[in-house]
């Protein structure tokens, strides 16, 4: 029974992360990194917040990819005059 509860808590935490803005996710990720670097967090809690940190990192990467996909590259002709835009080649 306790294992099912832990799985539900983890699923709720992942769902919660998917709702965060980039700014909120990065703020929380920075807080987790600081806590882990301080080394004063018990092992069990360290593992839990590390896992949340991984989910936050993935969320930030996802949001950055989405933003990059929306950015246009400005195109110019040989004289430097703007000729339009084209999708940014994100790889």
PDB file of N, CA and C in Angstrom:
ATOM      1  N   UNK A   1       0.819  -1.198   0.000  1.00  0.00           N
ATOM      2  CA  UNK A   1       0.000   0.000   0.000  1.00  0.00           C
ATOM      3  C   UNK A   1       0.863   1.262   0.000  1.00  0.00           C
ATOM      4  N   UNK A   2       1.928   1.278   0.795  1.00  0.00           N
ATOM      5  CA  UNK A   2       2.801   2.448   0.863  1.00  0.00           C
ATOM      6  C   UNK A   2       3.471   2.703  -0.477  1.00  0.00           C
ATOM      7  N   UNK A   3       3.786   1.625  -1.212  1.00  0.00           N
ATOM      8  CA  UNK A   3       4.418   1.767  -2.525  1.00  0.00           C
ATOM      9  C   UNK A   3       3.473   2.476  -3.494  1.00  0.00           C
ATOM     10  N   UNK A   4       2.185   2.135  -3.467  1.00  0.00           N
ATOM     11  CA  UNK A   4       1.200   2.797  -4.323  1.00  0.00           C
ATOM     12  C   UNK A   4       1.084   4.269  -3.985  1.00  0.00           C
ATOM     13  N   UNK A   5       1.125   4.593  -2.705  1.00  0.00           N
ATOM     14  CA  UNK A   5       1.051   5.986  -2.273  1.00  0.00           C
ATOM     15  C   UNK A   5       2.239   6.771  -2.799  1.00  0.00           C
ATOM     16  N   UNK A   6       3.425   6.170  -2.726  1.00  0.00           N
ATOM     17  CA  UNK A   6       4.632   6.840  -3.213  1.00  0.00           C
ATOM     18  C   UNK A   6       4.542   7.070  -4.721  1.00  0.00           C
ATOM     19  N   UNK A   7       4.037   6.102  -5.468  1.00  0.00           N
ATOM     20  CA  UNK A   7       3.879   6.248  -6.911  1.00  0.00           C
ATOM     21  C   UNK A   7       2.911   7.383  -7.217  1.00  0.00           C
ATOM     22  N   UNK A   8       1.796   7.460  -6.484  1.00  0.00           N
ATOM     23  CA  UNK A   8       0.824   8.533  -6.689  1.00  0.00           C
ATOM     24  C   UNK A   8       1.428   9.900  -6.397  1.00  0.00           C
ATOM     25  N   UNK A   9       2.224  10.002  -5.349  1.00  0.00           N
ATOM     26  CA  UNK A   9       2.875  11.263  -4.998  1.00  0.00           C
ATOM     27  C   UNK A   9       3.826  11.675  -6.115  1.00  0.00           C
ATOM     28  N   UNK A  10       4.598  10.720  -6.657  1.00  0.00           N
ATOM     29  CA  UNK A  10       5.526  11.021  -7.741  1.00  0.00           C
ATOM     30  C   UNK A  10       4.783  11.463  -8.995  1.00  0.00           C
ATOM     31  N   UNK A  11       3.680  10.806  -9.316  1.00  0.00           N
ATOM     32  CA  UNK A  11       2.885  11.183 -10.493  1.00  0.00           C
ATOM     33  C   UNK A  11       2.299  12.581 -10.318  1.00  0.00           C
ATOM     34  N   UNK A  12       1.809  12.894  -9.125  1.00  0.00           N
ATOM     35  CA  UNK A  12       1.268  14.231  -8.855  1.00  0.00           C
ATOM     36  C   UNK A  12       2.357  15.291  -8.969  1.00  0.00           C
ATOM     37  N   UNK A  13       3.558  14.968  -8.493  1.00  0.00           N
ATOM     38  CA  UNK A  13       4.668  15.912  -8.565  1.00  0.00           C
ATOM     39  C   UNK A  13       5.039  16.181 -10.015  1.00  0.00           C
ATOM     40  N   UNK A  14       5.063  15.137 -10.859  1.00  0.00           N
ATOM     41  CA  UNK A  14       5.371  15.317 -12.285  1.00  0.00           C
ATOM     42  C   UNK A  14       4.299  16.154 -12.968  1.00  0.00           C
ATOM     43  N   UNK A  15       3.043  15.901 -12.643  1.00  0.00           N
ATOM     44  CA  UNK A  15       1.948  16.679 -13.224  1.00  0.00           C
ATOM     45  C   UNK A  15       2.071  18.137 -12.805  1.00  0.00           C
ATOM     46  N   UNK A  16       2.433  18.367 -11.565  1.00  0.00           N
ATOM     47  CA  UNK A  16       2.624  19.717 -11.044  1.00  0.00           C
ATOM     48  C   UNK A  16       3.731  20.440 -11.812  1.00  0.00           C
ATOM     49  N   UNK A  17       4.828  19.757 -12.091  1.00  0.00           N
ATOM     50  CA  UNK A  17       5.954  20.347 -12.809  1.00  0.00           C
ATOM     51  C   UNK A  17       5.528  20.764 -14.210  1.00  0.00           C
ATOM     52  N   UNK A  18       4.692  19.988 -14.861  1.00  0.00           N
ATOM     53  CA  UNK A  18       4.257  20.289 -16.226  1.00  0.00           C
ATOM     54  C   UNK A  18       3.420  21.570 -16.307  1.00  0.00           C
ATOM     55  N   UNK A  19       2.942  22.061 -15.186  1.00  0.00           N
ATOM     56  CA  UNK A  19       2.132  23.280 -15.162  1.00  0.00           C
ATOM     57  C   UNK A  19       2.970  24.535 -14.880  1.00  0.00           C
ATOM     58  N   UNK A  20       4.224  24.346 -14.497  1.00  0.00           N
ATOM     59  CA  UNK A  20       5.057  25.481 -14.095  1.00  0.00           C
ATOM     60  C   UNK A  20       5.541  26.292 -15.289  1.00  0.00           C
ATOM     61  N   UNK A  21       5.636  27.594 -15.086  1.00  0.00           N
ATOM     62  CA  UNK A  21       6.266  28.460 -16.083  1.00  0.00           C
ATOM     63  C   UNK A  21       7.769  28.203 -16.042  1.00  0.00           C
ATOM     64  N   UNK A  22       8.456  28.657 -17.085  1.00  0.00           N
ATOM     65  CA  UNK A  22       9.907  28.498 -17.118  1.00  0.00           C
ATOM     66  C   UNK A  22      10.544  29.172 -15.913  1.00  0.00           C
ATOM     67  N   UNK A  23      10.109  30.398 -15.628  1.00  0.00           N
ATOM     68  CA  UNK A  23      10.713  31.167 -14.530  1.00  0.00           C
ATOM     69  C   UNK A  23      10.526  30.471 -13.180  1.00  0.00           C
ATOM     70  N   UNK A  24       9.341  29.955 -12.952  1.00  0.00           N
ATOM     71  CA  UNK A  24       9.073  29.271 -11.677  1.00  0.00           C
ATOM     72  C   UNK A  24       9.860  27.962 -11.585  1.00  0.00           C
ATOM     73  N   UNK A  25       9.933  27.230 -12.692  1.00  0.00           N
ATOM     74  CA  UNK A  25      10.670  25.957 -12.696  1.00  0.00           C
ATOM     75  C   UNK A  25      12.158  26.181 -12.456  1.00  0.00           C
ATOM     76  N   UNK A  26      12.732  27.189 -13.097  1.00  0.00           N
ATOM     77  CA  UNK A  26      14.163  27.449 -12.936  1.00  0.00           C
ATOM     78  C   UNK A  26      14.456  27.946 -11.516  1.00  0.00           C
ATOM     79  N   UNK A  27      13.545  28.735 -10.965  1.00  0.00           N
ATOM     80  CA  UNK A  27      13.708  29.222  -9.584  1.00  0.00           C
ATOM     81  C   UNK A  27      13.724  28.044  -8.605  1.00  0.00           C
ATOM     82  N   UNK A  28      12.792  27.134  -8.785  1.00  0.00           N
ATOM     83  CA  UNK A  28      12.739  25.975  -7.886  1.00  0.00           C
ATOM     84  C   UNK A  28      13.951  25.077  -8.101  1.00  0.00           C
ATOM     85  N   UNK A  29      14.375  24.908  -9.341  1.00  0.00           N
ATOM     86  CA  UNK A  29      15.553  24.086  -9.632  1.00  0.00           C
ATOM     87  C   UNK A  29      16.795  24.679  -8.963  1.00  0.00           C
ATOM     88  N   UNK A  30      16.955  25.988  -9.034  1.00  0.00           N
ATOM     89  CA  UNK A  30      18.088  26.645  -8.375  1.00  0.00           C
ATOM     90  C   UNK A  30      18.054  26.435  -6.871  1.00  0.00           C
ATOM     91  N   UNK A  31      16.867  26.474  -6.295  1.00  0.00           N
ATOM     92  CA  UNK A  31      16.714  26.244  -4.858  1.00  0.00           C
ATOM     93  C   UNK A  31      17.133  24.810  -4.488  1.00  0.00           C
ATOM     94  N   UNK A  32      16.740  23.856  -5.315  1.00  0.00           N
ATOM     95  CA  UNK A  32      17.097  22.454  -5.061  1.00  0.00           C
ATOM     96  C   UNK A  32      18.605  22.272  -5.156  1.00  0.00           C
ATOM     97  N   UNK A  33      19.216  22.855  -6.177  1.00  0.00           N
ATOM     98  CA  UNK A  33      20.671  22.736  -6.334  1.00  0.00           C
ATOM     99  C   UNK A  33      21.378  23.301  -5.113  1.00  0.00           C
ATOM    100  N   UNK A  34      20.943  24.453  -4.648  1.00  0.00           N
ATOM    101  CA  UNK A  34      21.555  25.073  -3.467  1.00  0.00           C
ATOM    102  C   UNK A  34      21.429  24.167  -2.240  1.00  0.00           C
ATOM    103  N   UNK A  35      20.246  23.605  -2.037  1.00  0.00           N
ATOM    104  CA  UNK A  35      20.037  22.713  -0.885  1.00  0.00           C
ATOM    105  C   UNK A  35      20.935  21.485  -0.974  1.00  0.00           C
ATOM    106  N   UNK A  36      21.056  20.918  -2.164  1.00  0.00           N
ATOM    107  CA  UNK A  36      21.901  19.733  -2.326  1.00  0.00           C
ATOM    108  C   UNK A  36      23.375  20.075  -2.142  1.00  0.00           C
ATOM    109  N   UNK A  37      23.785  21.243  -2.655  1.00  0.00           N
ATOM    110  CA  UNK A  37      25.183  21.658  -2.508  1.00  0.00           C
ATOM    111  C   UNK A  37      25.539  21.934  -1.058  1.00  0.00           C
ATOM    112  N   UNK A  38      24.582  22.416  -0.272  1.00  0.00           N
ATOM    113  CA  UNK A  38      24.840  22.681   1.144  1.00  0.00           C
ATOM    114  C   UNK A  38      25.131  21.393   1.909  1.00  0.00           C
ATOM    115  N   UNK A  39      24.599  20.273   1.412  1.00  0.00           N
ATOM    116  CA  UNK A  39      24.885  18.974   2.013  1.00  0.00           C
ATOM    117  C   UNK A  39      24.241  18.724   3.356  1.00  0.00           C
ATOM    118  N   UNK A  40      23.219  19.476   3.705  1.00  0.00           N
ATOM    119  CA  UNK A  40      22.589  19.317   5.018  1.00  0.00           C
ATOM    120  C   UNK A  40      21.234  18.635   4.929  1.00  0.00           C
ATOM    121  N   UNK A  41      20.929  18.052   3.772  1.00  0.00           N
ATOM    122  CA  UNK A  41      19.642  17.402   3.563  1.00  0.00           C
ATOM    123  C   UNK A  41      19.826  15.904   3.797  1.00  0.00           C
ATOM    124  N   UNK A  42      18.940  15.289   4.589  1.00  0.00           N
ATOM    125  CA  UNK A  42      19.028  13.842   4.805  1.00  0.00           C
ATOM    126  C   UNK A  42      18.972  13.078   3.476  1.00  0.00           C
ATOM    127  N   UNK A  43      19.580  11.902   3.447  1.00  0.00           N
ATOM    128  CA  UNK A  43      19.707  11.122   2.219  1.00  0.00           C
ATOM    129  C   UNK A  43      18.367  10.891   1.526  1.00  0.00           C
ATOM    130  N   UNK A  44      17.372  10.438   2.243  1.00  0.00           N
ATOM    131  CA  UNK A  44      16.063  10.151   1.646  1.00  0.00           C
ATOM    132  C   UNK A  44      15.480  11.395   0.973  1.00  0.00           C
ATOM    133  N   UNK A  45      15.563  12.520   1.652  1.00  0.00           N
ATOM    134  CA  UNK A  45      15.055  13.765   1.088  1.00  0.00           C
ATOM    135  C   UNK A  45      15.914  14.220  -0.091  1.00  0.00           C
ATOM    136  N   UNK A  46      17.226  14.005  -0.003  1.00  0.00           N
ATOM    137  CA  UNK A  46      18.122  14.361  -1.104  1.00  0.00           C
ATOM    138  C   UNK A  46      17.722  13.641  -2.382  1.00  0.00           C
ATOM    139  N   UNK A  47      17.421  12.365  -2.269  1.00  0.00           N
ATOM    140  CA  UNK A  47      17.013  11.580  -3.437  1.00  0.00           C
ATOM    141  C   UNK A  47      15.701  12.125  -3.994  1.00  0.00           C
ATOM    142  N   UNK A  48      14.759  12.429  -3.130  1.00  0.00           N
ATOM    143  CA  UNK A  48      13.453  12.931  -3.571  1.00  0.00           C
ATOM    144  C   UNK A  48      13.584  14.279  -4.267  1.00  0.00           C
ATOM    145  N   UNK A  49      14.362  15.193  -3.691  1.00  0.00           N
ATOM    146  CA  UNK A  49      14.466  16.507  -4.322  1.00  0.00           C
ATOM    147  C   UNK A  49      15.344  16.450  -5.566  1.00  0.00           C
ATOM    148  N   UNK A  50      16.291  15.508  -5.613  1.00  0.00           N
ATOM    149  CA  UNK A  50      17.077  15.324  -6.828  1.00  0.00           C
ATOM    150  C   UNK A  50      16.158  14.882  -7.971  1.00  0.00           C
ATOM    151  N   UNK A  51      15.257  13.949  -7.685  1.00  0.00           N
ATOM    152  CA  UNK A  51      14.311  13.484  -8.705  1.00  0.00           C
ATOM    153  C   UNK A  51      13.417  14.626  -9.181  1.00  0.00           C
ATOM    154  N   UNK A  52      12.976  15.455  -8.254  1.00  0.00           N
ATOM    155  CA  UNK A  52      12.167  16.615  -8.650  1.00  0.00           C
ATOM    156  C   UNK A  52      13.000  17.577  -9.486  1.00  0.00           C
ATOM    157  N   UNK A  53      14.252  17.743  -9.112  1.00  0.00           N
ATOM    158  CA  UNK A  53      15.149  18.592  -9.884  1.00  0.00           C
ATOM    159  C   UNK A  53      15.302  18.107 -11.314  1.00  0.00           C
ATOM    160  N   UNK A  54      15.385  16.808 -11.499  1.00  0.00           N
ATOM    161  CA  UNK A  54      15.467  16.244 -12.850  1.00  0.00           C
ATOM    162  C   UNK A  54      14.205  16.564 -13.642  1.00  0.00           C
ATOM    163  N   UNK A  55      13.045  16.440 -13.007  1.00  0.00           N
ATOM    164  CA  UNK A  55      11.779  16.756 -13.674  1.00  0.00           C
ATOM    165  C   UNK A  55      11.722  18.242 -14.024  1.00  0.00           C
ATOM    166  N   UNK A  56      12.207  19.085 -13.143  1.00  0.00           N
ATOM    167  CA  UNK A  56      12.236  20.531 -13.403  1.00  0.00           C
ATOM    168  C   UNK A  56      13.179  20.857 -14.553  1.00  0.00           C
ATOM    169  N   UNK A  57      14.319  20.195 -14.593  1.00  0.00           N
ATOM    170  CA  UNK A  57      15.279  20.405 -15.678  1.00  0.00           C
ATOM    171  C   UNK A  57      14.655  20.028 -17.015  1.00  0.00           C
ATOM    172  N   UNK A  58      13.972  18.902 -17.061  1.00  0.00           N
ATOM    173  CA  UNK A  58      13.301  18.486 -18.299  1.00  0.00           C
ATOM    174  C   UNK A  58      12.236  19.502 -18.712  1.00  0.00           C
ATOM    175  N   UNK A  59      11.494  20.043 -17.735  1.00  0.00           N
ATOM    176  CA  UNK A  59      10.470  21.044 -18.026  1.00  0.00           C
ATOM    177  C   UNK A  59      11.107  22.299 -18.630  1.00  0.00           C
ATOM    178  N   UNK A  60      12.192  22.757 -18.044  1.00  0.00           N
ATOM    179  CA  UNK A  60      12.879  23.948 -18.564  1.00  0.00           C
ATOM    180  C   UNK A  60      13.380  23.699 -19.983  1.00  0.00           C
ATOM    181  N   UNK A  61      13.961  22.534 -20.230  1.00  0.00           N
ATOM    182  CA  UNK A  61      14.438  22.206 -21.569  1.00  0.00           C
ATOM    183  C   UNK A  61      13.291  22.177 -22.572  1.00  0.00           C
ATOM    184  N   UNK A  62      12.170  21.612 -22.163  1.00  0.00           N
ATOM    185  CA  UNK A  62      10.986  21.548 -23.028  1.00  0.00           C
ATOM    186  C   UNK A  62      10.504  22.957 -23.385  1.00  0.00           C
ATOM    187  N   UNK A  63      10.403  23.812 -22.383  1.00  0.00           N
ATOM    188  CA  UNK A  63       9.938  25.178 -22.622  1.00  0.00           C
ATOM    189  C   UNK A  63      10.921  25.965 -23.487  1.00  0.00           C
ATOM    190  N   UNK A  64      12.209  25.744 -23.311  1.00  0.00           N
ATOM    191  CA  UNK A  64      13.207  26.416 -24.145  1.00  0.00           C
ATOM    192  C   UNK A  64      13.099  25.953 -25.598  1.00  0.00           C
ATOM    193  N   UNK A  65      12.917  24.647 -25.818  1.00  0.00           N
ATOM    194  CA  UNK A  65      12.748  24.135 -27.180  1.00  0.00           C
ATOM    195  C   UNK A  65      11.527  24.758 -27.839  1.00  0.00           C
ATOM    196  N   UNK A  66      10.438  24.872 -27.076  1.00  0.00           N
ATOM    197  CA  UNK A  66       9.226  25.480 -27.623  1.00  0.00           C
ATOM    198  C   UNK A  66       9.467  26.941 -27.999  1.00  0.00           C
ATOM    199  N   UNK A  67      10.171  27.666 -27.143  1.00  0.00           N
ATOM    200  CA  UNK A  67      10.454  29.073 -27.419  1.00  0.00           C
ATOM    201  C   UNK A  67      11.360  29.210 -28.636  1.00  0.00           C
ATOM    202  N   UNK A  68      12.385  28.375 -28.732  1.00  0.00           N
ATOM    203  CA  UNK A  68      13.297  28.430 -29.868  1.00  0.00           C
ATOM    204  C   UNK A  68      12.566  28.139 -31.176  1.00  0.00           C
ATOM    205  N   UNK A  69      11.620  27.230 -31.131  1.00  0.00           N
ATOM    206  CA  UNK A  69      10.872  26.887 -32.338  1.00  0.00           C
ATOM    207  C   UNK A  69      10.032  28.058 -32.823  1.00  0.00           C
ATOM    208  N   UNK A  70       9.691  28.980 -31.941  1.00  0.00           N
ATOM    209  CA  UNK A  70       8.865  30.126 -32.302  1.00  0.00           C
ATOM    210  C   UNK A  70       9.679  31.321 -32.778  1.00  0.00           C
ATOM    211  N   UNK A  71      10.976  31.285 -32.545  1.00  0.00           N
ATOM    212  CA  UNK A  71      11.833  32.399 -32.933  1.00  0.00           C
ATOM    213  C   UNK A  71      12.116  32.315 -34.428  1.00  0.00           C
ATOM    214  N   UNK A  72      12.049  33.445 -35.102  1.00  0.00           N
ATOM    215  CA  UNK A  72      12.362  33.511 -36.524  1.00  0.00           C
ATOM    216  C   UNK A  72      13.751  34.089 -36.728  1.00  0.00           C
ATOM    217  N   UNK A  73      14.397  33.606 -37.763  1.00  0.00           N
ATOM    218  CA  UNK A  73      15.693  34.152 -38.148  1.00  0.00           C
ATOM    219  C   UNK A  73      15.437  35.237 -39.198  1.00  0.00           C
ATOM    220  N   UNK A  74      16.008  36.390 -38.990  1.00  0.00           N
ATOM    221  CA  UNK A  74      15.852  37.491 -39.943  1.00  0.00           C
ATOM    222  C   UNK A  74      16.806  37.235 -41.109  1.00  0.00           C
ATOM    223  N   UNK A  75      16.291  37.327 -42.313  1.00  0.00           N
ATOM    224  CA  UNK A  75      17.125  37.124 -43.504  1.00  0.00           C
ATOM    225  C   UNK A  75      17.395  38.473 -44.163  1.00  0.00           C
ATOM    226  N   UNK A  76      18.596  38.582 -44.744  1.00  0.00           N
ATOM    227  CA  UNK A  76      18.980  39.824 -45.423  1.00  0.00           C
ATOM    228  C   UNK A  76      19.548  39.492 -46.804  1.00  0.00           C
ATOM    229  N   UNK A  77      19.552  40.498 -47.666  1.00  0.00           N
ATOM    230  CA  UNK A  77      20.170  40.315 -48.972  1.00  0.00           C
ATOM    231  C   UNK A  77      21.648  40.699 -48.890  1.00  0.00           C
ATOM    232  N   UNK A  78      22.341  40.667 -50.024  1.00  0.00           N
ATOM    233  CA  UNK A  78      23.787  40.933 -50.029  1.00  0.00           C
ATOM    234  C   UNK A  78      24.145  42.338 -49.581  1.00  0.00           C
ATOM    235  N   UNK A  79      23.193  43.270 -49.674  1.00  0.00           N
ATOM    236  CA  UNK A  79      23.482  44.637 -49.235  1.00  0.00           C
ATOM    237  C   UNK A  79      23.109  44.867 -47.769  1.00  0.00           C
ATOM    238  N   UNK A  80      22.600  43.821 -47.117  1.00  0.00           N
ATOM    239  CA  UNK A  80      22.248  43.941 -45.706  1.00  0.00           C
ATOM    240  C   UNK A  80      20.819  44.358 -45.455  1.00  0.00           C
ATOM    241  N   UNK A  81      20.042  44.504 -46.511  1.00  0.00           N
ATOM    242  CA  UNK A  81      18.633  44.881 -46.350  1.00  0.00           C
ATOM    243  C   UNK A  81      17.824  43.659 -45.912  1.00  0.00           C
ATOM    244  N   UNK A  82      16.925  43.878 -44.968  1.00  0.00           N
ATOM    245  CA  UNK A  82      16.075  42.805 -44.476  1.00  0.00           C
ATOM    246  C   UNK A  82      15.139  42.363 -45.592  1.00  0.00           C
ATOM    247  N   UNK A  83      15.123  41.067 -45.845  1.00  0.00           N
ATOM    248  CA  UNK A  83      14.243  40.531 -46.894  1.00  0.00           C
ATOM    249  C   UNK A  83      13.085  39.728 -46.328  1.00  0.00           C
ATOM    250  N   UNK A  84      13.122  39.464 -45.070  1.00  0.00           N
ATOM    251  CA  UNK A  84      12.030  38.700 -44.444  1.00  0.00           C
ATOM    252  C   UNK A  84      12.549  37.847 -43.311  1.00  0.00           C
ATOM    253  N   UNK A  85      11.793  36.850 -42.998  1.00  0.00           N
ATOM    254  CA  UNK A  85      12.172  35.917 -41.943  1.00  0.00           C
ATOM    255  C   UNK A  85      11.946  34.503 -42.429  1.00  0.00           C
ATOM    256  N   UNK A  86      12.633  33.586 -41.784  1.00  0.00           N
ATOM    257  CA  UNK A  86      12.448  32.161 -42.031  1.00  0.00           C
ATOM    258  C   UNK A  86      12.559  31.446 -40.701  1.00  0.00           C
ATOM    259  N   UNK A  87      12.030  30.243 -40.606  1.00  0.00           N
ATOM    260  CA  UNK A  87      12.106  29.528 -39.334  1.00  0.00           C
ATOM    261  C   UNK A  87      13.563  29.328 -38.916  1.00  0.00           C
ATOM    262  N   UNK A  88      13.796  29.459 -37.645  1.00  0.00           N
ATOM    263  CA  UNK A  88      15.130  29.233 -37.102  1.00  0.00           C
ATOM    264  C   UNK A  88      15.437  27.756 -37.181  1.00  0.00           C
ATOM    265  N   UNK A  89      16.615  27.411 -37.639  1.00  0.00           N
ATOM    266  CA  UNK A  89      17.041  26.018 -37.745  1.00  0.00           C
ATOM    267  C   UNK A  89      17.564  25.576 -36.389  1.00  0.00           C
ATOM    268  N   UNK A  90      16.698  24.955 -35.591  1.00  0.00           N
ATOM    269  CA  UNK A  90      17.059  24.510 -34.238  1.00  0.00           C
ATOM    270  C   UNK A  90      17.450  23.046 -34.305  1.00  0.00           C
ATOM    271  N   UNK A  91      18.658  22.755 -33.877  1.00  0.00           N
ATOM    272  CA  UNK A  91      19.111  21.356 -33.880  1.00  0.00           C
ATOM    273  C   UNK A  91      19.655  20.959 -32.562  1.00  0.00           C
TER     274      UNK A  91
END
